[in-house]
């Protein structure tokens, strides 16, 4: 699990039927601006035209969780998932070596 922190970049997925963003293919870039829990954050979402808007109390879907179909959510980018996996592998390797 990756713990969210303020300033991290995530992918934002708008809810199905969001008329403002329907003509664009998600994901959209978003910056974490507040952390409620490891699975809920506030975001500053950057739209495809460079506009910004806030999204409050957005579900942060971690790898083991299923993405919701009826509400907006965010997720980590593949690069961040890869970095976290490498870090976990390194920690496990070092623990075995001790």
C-alpha atoms as a PDB file:
ATOM      1  CA  UNK A   1       0.000   0.000   0.000  1.00  0.00           C
ATOM      2  CA  UNK A   2       1.235   3.470  -0.866  1.00  0.00           C
ATOM      3  CA  UNK A   3       0.437   6.079   1.767  1.00  0.00           C
ATOM      4  CA  UNK A   4      -0.804   9.342   0.237  1.00  0.00           C
ATOM      5  CA  UNK A   5       0.936  12.578   1.107  1.00  0.00           C
ATOM      6  CA  UNK A   6       0.239  16.173   0.205  1.00  0.00           C
ATOM      7  CA  UNK A   7       1.790  17.103  -3.129  1.00  0.00           C
ATOM      8  CA  UNK A   8       1.753  13.624  -4.678  1.00  0.00           C
ATOM      9  CA  UNK A   9       0.375  13.257  -8.179  1.00  0.00           C
ATOM     10  CA  UNK A  10      -2.385  10.731  -8.871  1.00  0.00           C
ATOM     11  CA  UNK A  11      -4.677   9.840 -11.742  1.00  0.00           C
ATOM     12  CA  UNK A  12      -8.237  11.124 -11.364  1.00  0.00           C
ATOM     13  CA  UNK A  13     -11.112   9.171 -12.883  1.00  0.00           C
ATOM     14  CA  UNK A  14     -14.369  11.156 -13.032  1.00  0.00           C
ATOM     15  CA  UNK A  15     -17.674   9.484 -12.334  1.00  0.00           C
ATOM     16  CA  UNK A  16     -19.398   7.927 -15.308  1.00  0.00           C
ATOM     17  CA  UNK A  17     -21.616  10.485 -16.999  1.00  0.00           C
ATOM     18  CA  UNK A  18     -19.682  13.557 -15.827  1.00  0.00           C
ATOM     19  CA  UNK A  19     -20.820  15.876 -18.623  1.00  0.00           C
ATOM     20  CA  UNK A  20     -17.886  18.294 -18.296  1.00  0.00           C
ATOM     21  CA  UNK A  21     -15.299  15.598 -18.963  1.00  0.00           C
ATOM     22  CA  UNK A  22     -17.245  13.113 -21.117  1.00  0.00           C
ATOM     23  CA  UNK A  23     -15.606  14.171 -24.361  1.00  0.00           C
ATOM     24  CA  UNK A  24     -12.128  13.379 -22.999  1.00  0.00           C
ATOM     25  CA  UNK A  25     -10.568  10.042 -22.136  1.00  0.00           C
ATOM     26  CA  UNK A  26      -9.429   9.765 -18.529  1.00  0.00           C
ATOM     27  CA  UNK A  27      -7.257   9.657 -16.549  1.00  0.00           C
ATOM     28  CA  UNK A  28      -6.623  13.269 -15.596  1.00  0.00           C
ATOM     29  CA  UNK A  29      -3.682  14.532 -13.560  1.00  0.00           C
ATOM     30  CA  UNK A  30      -4.443  15.516  -9.977  1.00  0.00           C
ATOM     31  CA  UNK A  31      -2.439  16.691  -7.002  1.00  0.00           C
ATOM     32  CA  UNK A  32      -3.214  15.527  -3.481  1.00  0.00           C
ATOM     33  CA  UNK A  33      -3.938  18.656  -1.443  1.00  0.00           C
ATOM     34  CA  UNK A  34      -5.252  17.021   1.742  1.00  0.00           C
ATOM     35  CA  UNK A  35      -5.175  13.502   3.171  1.00  0.00           C
ATOM     36  CA  UNK A  36      -8.188  12.319   5.169  1.00  0.00           C
ATOM     37  CA  UNK A  37      -7.138   8.662   5.375  1.00  0.00           C
ATOM     38  CA  UNK A  38      -5.026   6.219   3.346  1.00  0.00           C
ATOM     39  CA  UNK A  39      -8.092   5.743   1.156  1.00  0.00           C
ATOM     40  CA  UNK A  40      -9.619   9.231   0.973  1.00  0.00           C
ATOM     41  CA  UNK A  41      -8.065  12.480  -0.231  1.00  0.00           C
ATOM     42  CA  UNK A  42      -8.887  15.972  -1.492  1.00  0.00           C
ATOM     43  CA  UNK A  43      -7.547  16.754  -4.964  1.00  0.00           C
ATOM     44  CA  UNK A  44      -6.705  19.620  -7.253  1.00  0.00           C
ATOM     45  CA  UNK A  45      -7.641  18.146 -10.642  1.00  0.00           C
ATOM     46  CA  UNK A  46      -6.045  19.473 -13.820  1.00  0.00           C
ATOM     47  CA  UNK A  47      -8.429  19.231 -16.741  1.00  0.00           C
ATOM     48  CA  UNK A  48      -7.367  18.442 -20.305  1.00  0.00           C
ATOM     49  CA  UNK A  49      -7.551  22.130 -21.217  1.00  0.00           C
ATOM     50  CA  UNK A  50      -5.398  23.206 -18.271  1.00  0.00           C
ATOM     51  CA  UNK A  51      -8.278  24.243 -16.067  1.00  0.00           C
ATOM     52  CA  UNK A  52      -8.182  23.271 -12.402  1.00  0.00           C
ATOM     53  CA  UNK A  53     -10.920  22.298  -9.991  1.00  0.00           C
ATOM     54  CA  UNK A  54     -11.101  20.843  -6.536  1.00  0.00           C
ATOM     55  CA  UNK A  55     -12.530  17.415  -5.789  1.00  0.00           C
ATOM     56  CA  UNK A  56     -13.225  16.689  -2.137  1.00  0.00           C
ATOM     57  CA  UNK A  57     -13.323  13.362  -0.318  1.00  0.00           C
ATOM     58  CA  UNK A  58     -12.203  11.320  -3.320  1.00  0.00           C
ATOM     59  CA  UNK A  59     -11.664   7.592  -2.874  1.00  0.00           C
ATOM     60  CA  UNK A  60      -8.039   6.580  -3.415  1.00  0.00           C
ATOM     61  CA  UNK A  61      -8.162   3.106  -4.913  1.00  0.00           C
ATOM     62  CA  UNK A  62      -5.156   1.038  -3.880  1.00  0.00           C
ATOM     63  CA  UNK A  63      -4.000  -2.053  -5.786  1.00  0.00           C
ATOM     64  CA  UNK A  64      -6.064  -4.568  -3.825  1.00  0.00           C
ATOM     65  CA  UNK A  65      -9.260  -2.511  -4.011  1.00  0.00           C
ATOM     66  CA  UNK A  66     -11.796  -2.536  -6.786  1.00  0.00           C
ATOM     67  CA  UNK A  67     -12.548   0.761  -8.535  1.00  0.00           C
ATOM     68  CA  UNK A  68     -16.040   2.111  -7.945  1.00  0.00           C
ATOM     69  CA  UNK A  69     -18.321   2.437 -10.949  1.00  0.00           C
ATOM     70  CA  UNK A  70     -20.686   5.168  -9.759  1.00  0.00           C
ATOM     71  CA  UNK A  71     -18.405   7.805  -8.191  1.00  0.00           C
ATOM     72  CA  UNK A  72     -15.189   9.591  -9.049  1.00  0.00           C
ATOM     73  CA  UNK A  73     -11.988   8.098  -7.683  1.00  0.00           C
ATOM     74  CA  UNK A  74      -8.231   8.364  -8.009  1.00  0.00           C
ATOM     75  CA  UNK A  75      -5.434   5.854  -8.277  1.00  0.00           C
ATOM     76  CA  UNK A  76      -1.660   5.793  -8.329  1.00  0.00           C
ATOM     77  CA  UNK A  77       0.111   6.021 -11.664  1.00  0.00           C
ATOM     78  CA  UNK A  78       1.881   2.865 -12.919  1.00  0.00           C
ATOM     79  CA  UNK A  79       5.286   4.470 -12.292  1.00  0.00           C
ATOM     80  CA  UNK A  80       4.427   5.056  -8.622  1.00  0.00           C
ATOM     81  CA  UNK A  81       3.172   1.495  -8.251  1.00  0.00           C
ATOM     82  CA  UNK A  82       6.440   0.221  -9.737  1.00  0.00           C
ATOM     83  CA  UNK A  83       8.517   2.379  -7.418  1.00  0.00           C
ATOM     84  CA  UNK A  84       6.574   1.152  -4.385  1.00  0.00           C
ATOM     85  CA  UNK A  85       6.999  -2.479  -5.456  1.00  0.00           C
ATOM     86  CA  UNK A  86      10.752  -2.014  -5.886  1.00  0.00           C
ATOM     87  CA  UNK A  87      11.011  -0.390  -2.463  1.00  0.00           C
ATOM     88  CA  UNK A  88       9.063  -3.223  -0.825  1.00  0.00           C
ATOM     89  CA  UNK A  89      11.281  -5.812  -2.538  1.00  0.00           C
ATOM     90  CA  UNK A  90      14.415  -4.003  -1.355  1.00  0.00           C
ATOM     91  CA  UNK A  91      13.111  -3.835   2.213  1.00  0.00           C
ATOM     92  CA  UNK A  92      12.256  -7.553   2.151  1.00  0.00           C
ATOM     93  CA  UNK A  93      15.678  -8.388   0.708  1.00  0.00           C
ATOM     94  CA  UNK A  94      17.437  -6.391   3.423  1.00  0.00           C
ATOM     95  CA  UNK A  95      15.308  -8.002   6.138  1.00  0.00           C
ATOM     96  CA  UNK A  96      16.292 -11.479   4.928  1.00  0.00           C
ATOM     97  CA  UNK A  97      19.973 -10.513   4.836  1.00  0.00           C
ATOM     98  CA  UNK A  98      19.980  -9.555   8.512  1.00  0.00           C
END
